[in-house]
Amino acid sequence: VVWVAVIVLNLIQQPGRITFDTKLDLQIDPAGFLARSTELWNADWALGGLQNQASGYLFPMGPVFWLGDVIGVPMWVWERLWSAFVMLLAYEGARRLAGNWPGITRQSALLAGLVYMLSPRALTTVGSLSSETLPGSILPWTLLPLVLYLRGRMRGWVAFVLSAASVV
């Protein structure tokens, strides 16, 4: 129910219109943006200029937007699905983390996931600054393997590798 609600609520927001999600050229020309992101100097600007954080979009946001462009999904739909993904990543991570915490009921874990996903910071940035929302959405996934290790449900090295992999 939560997944369907998040996806539907994202899709009914201004249908047919793209939003300015951090870098407009990422939505308009994802392949070109990715190509320019690999170079320090961007000659496409008025007099040229040094790239500002473009390399940060090389993964995962750049390839995700490129994929949407390649398979022909309207960019406004793809943007909304990306926002829903970022929100659901936060929800599922927080829900699973809380669900593996001692003394937390299933309903409390569900509430924890909802509260984390619907935090004011996440809601106000997910559509326009999703690259800033993404690290917070991944944070519960970084902690989850460590909690599973401490609860005796995962080997130490596996927990370390999974936790470190979520940072990448």
Protein backbone atom coordinates (compact mmCIF):
# COMPACT_ATOMS: atom_id res chain seq x y z
CA VAL A 1 0.00 0.00 0.00
CA VAL A 2 2.81 2.40 0.90
CA TRP A 3 4.67 1.68 -2.34
CA VAL A 4 1.59 2.21 -4.51
CA ALA A 5 0.64 5.40 -2.64
CA VAL A 6 4.14 6.88 -3.00
CA ILE A 7 4.33 6.08 -6.71
CA VAL A 8 0.83 7.39 -7.46
CA LEU A 9 1.30 10.55 -5.39
CA ASN A 10 4.56 11.26 -7.22
CA LEU A 11 2.99 10.69 -10.64
CA ILE A 12 -0.01 12.99 -10.08
CA GLN A 13 2.25 15.96 -9.28
CA GLN A 14 2.08 18.35 -12.25
CA PRO A 15 1.69 15.71 -14.97
CA GLY A 16 3.48 16.46 -18.20
CA ARG A 17 5.91 18.96 -16.67
CA ILE A 18 9.51 18.25 -15.80
CA THR A 19 10.95 19.74 -12.65
CA PHE A 20 14.35 21.25 -12.14
CA ASP A 21 15.99 18.35 -10.28
CA THR A 22 19.43 19.76 -9.45
CA LYS A 23 20.76 19.88 -13.02
CA LEU A 24 18.28 20.66 -15.79
CA ASP A 25 20.56 19.39 -18.54
CA LEU A 26 20.55 16.01 -16.80
CA GLN A 27 16.86 15.74 -17.69
CA ILE A 28 17.08 17.34 -21.13
CA ASP A 29 20.22 15.57 -22.42
CA PRO A 30 21.36 12.84 -20.01
CA ALA A 31 23.94 11.34 -22.39
CA GLY A 32 25.48 14.74 -23.11
CA PHE A 33 25.50 15.59 -19.41
CA LEU A 34 27.29 12.35 -18.57
CA ALA A 35 29.85 12.95 -21.30
CA ARG A 36 30.53 16.49 -20.04
CA SER A 37 30.75 15.24 -16.45
CA THR A 38 33.96 13.39 -17.17
CA GLU A 39 35.83 16.58 -18.06
CA LEU A 40 37.04 19.28 -15.68
CA TRP A 41 36.34 22.16 -18.08
CA ASN A 42 32.90 22.84 -19.57
CA ALA A 43 33.21 24.95 -22.73
CA ASP A 44 29.39 24.95 -23.21
CA TRP A 45 28.95 27.77 -20.70
CA ALA A 46 29.17 31.42 -21.80
CA LEU A 47 32.96 31.74 -21.50
CA GLY A 48 33.54 28.21 -20.25
CA GLY A 49 34.01 27.18 -16.67
CA LEU A 50 35.10 24.56 -14.20
CA GLN A 51 32.59 21.80 -13.56
CA ASN A 52 30.69 22.20 -10.32
CA GLN A 53 30.00 18.78 -8.77
CA ALA A 54 29.12 17.19 -12.12
CA SER A 55 31.17 14.09 -11.36
CA GLY A 56 28.81 13.41 -8.47
CA TYR A 57 26.12 12.60 -11.00
CA LEU A 58 28.08 9.86 -12.73
CA PHE A 59 26.44 7.30 -10.43
CA PRO A 60 23.62 6.54 -9.80
CA MET A 61 21.56 9.52 -10.91
CA GLY A 62 23.18 10.10 -14.31
CA PRO A 63 22.85 6.54 -15.58
CA VAL A 64 19.29 6.30 -14.22
CA PHE A 65 18.21 9.39 -16.15
CA TRP A 66 20.11 8.19 -19.22
CA LEU A 67 18.27 4.84 -19.04
CA GLY A 68 14.91 6.60 -18.92
CA ASP A 69 15.88 8.61 -21.98
CA VAL A 70 17.10 5.52 -23.88
CA ILE A 71 13.98 3.45 -23.23
CA GLY A 72 11.78 6.40 -24.21
CA VAL A 73 9.90 7.05 -20.99
CA PRO A 74 8.68 10.66 -20.87
CA MET A 75 11.14 12.55 -18.67
CA TRP A 76 8.46 13.90 -16.37
CA VAL A 77 7.34 10.31 -15.63
CA TRP A 78 10.92 9.15 -15.17
CA GLU A 79 11.61 12.03 -12.76
CA ARG A 80 8.58 11.12 -10.66
CA LEU A 81 9.60 7.45 -10.60
CA TRP A 82 13.12 8.48 -9.52
CA SER A 83 11.65 10.59 -6.70
CA ALA A 84 9.43 7.70 -5.66
CA PHE A 85 12.46 5.39 -5.70
CA VAL A 86 14.46 7.73 -3.44
CA MET A 87 11.51 8.01 -1.05
CA LEU A 88 10.88 4.27 -0.99
CA LEU A 89 14.58 3.60 -0.46
CA ALA A 90 14.38 5.72 2.70
CA TYR A 91 11.13 4.08 3.79
CA GLU A 92 12.28 0.49 3.31
CA GLY A 93 15.67 1.10 4.90
CA ALA A 94 14.21 2.76 7.99
CA ARG A 95 11.44 0.17 8.26
CA ARG A 96 13.88 -2.73 8.07
CA LEU A 97 16.35 -1.10 10.43
CA ALA A 98 13.62 -0.44 13.01
CA GLY A 99 12.20 -3.92 12.48
CA ASN A 100 15.53 -5.46 13.48
CA TRP A 101 15.87 -3.30 16.56
CA PRO A 102 15.04 -5.08 19.83
CA GLY A 103 11.52 -4.43 21.12
CA ILE A 104 10.15 -2.77 17.97
CA THR A 105 6.87 -4.18 16.69
CA ARG A 106 5.99 -4.55 13.03
CA GLN A 107 3.58 -1.61 13.25
CA SER A 108 6.22 0.55 14.95
CA ALA A 109 8.74 -0.33 12.23
CA LEU A 110 6.18 0.67 9.59
CA LEU A 111 5.62 3.97 11.39
CA ALA A 112 9.38 4.55 11.64
CA GLY A 113 9.73 4.03 7.89
CA LEU A 114 6.89 6.44 7.15
CA VAL A 115 8.20 9.11 9.52
CA TYR A 116 11.70 8.84 8.08
CA MET A 117 10.49 8.96 4.47
CA LEU A 118 8.12 11.86 5.14
CA SER A 119 10.56 14.00 7.14
CA PRO A 120 10.36 17.68 6.20
CA ARG A 121 13.92 17.65 4.81
CA ALA A 122 13.22 14.67 2.54
CA LEU A 123 9.87 15.96 1.32
CA THR A 124 11.17 19.43 0.49
CA THR A 125 14.24 18.21 -1.40
CA VAL A 126 13.28 14.95 -3.09
CA GLY A 127 11.78 16.61 -6.17
CA SER A 128 14.26 19.41 -6.67
CA LEU A 129 17.45 18.22 -4.98
CA SER A 130 17.16 14.46 -5.07
CA SER A 131 20.95 14.15 -5.16
CA GLU A 132 20.96 15.68 -1.67
CA THR A 133 18.10 13.48 -0.48
CA LEU A 134 19.73 10.26 -1.70
CA PRO A 135 22.49 10.02 0.99
CA GLY A 136 19.88 10.28 3.74
CA SER A 137 17.79 7.65 2.00
CA ILE A 138 20.74 5.28 1.96
CA LEU A 139 21.78 5.88 5.58
CA PRO A 140 19.50 3.19 7.12
CA TRP A 141 20.93 0.67 4.61
CA THR A 142 24.42 1.55 5.89
CA LEU A 143 23.42 0.83 9.48
CA LEU A 144 21.24 -2.22 8.86
CA PRO A 145 24.08 -4.73 8.27
CA LEU A 146 25.84 -3.51 11.43
CA VAL A 147 22.69 -3.95 13.50
CA LEU A 148 22.20 -7.42 12.01
CA TYR A 149 25.78 -8.27 12.97
CA LEU A 150 25.28 -7.02 16.53
CA ARG A 151 22.11 -9.11 16.79
CA GLY A 152 24.02 -12.22 15.65
CA ARG A 153 22.19 -12.48 12.32
CA MET A 154 25.13 -11.71 10.03
CA ARG A 155 28.85 -12.42 9.94
CA GLY A 156 31.11 -9.50 10.79
CA TRP A 157 32.95 -9.30 7.48
CA VAL A 158 29.70 -9.55 5.51
CA ALA A 159 28.18 -6.74 7.57
CA PHE A 160 31.27 -4.61 7.03
CA VAL A 161 31.27 -5.19 3.26
CA LEU A 162 27.54 -4.51 2.88
CA SER A 163 27.70 -1.39 5.04
CA ALA A 164 30.71 -0.05 3.10
CA ALA A 165 29.09 -0.94 -0.24
CA SER A 166 26.06 1.17 0.59
CA VAL A 167 28.30 4.21 0.91
CA VAL A 168 29.65 3.68 -2.58
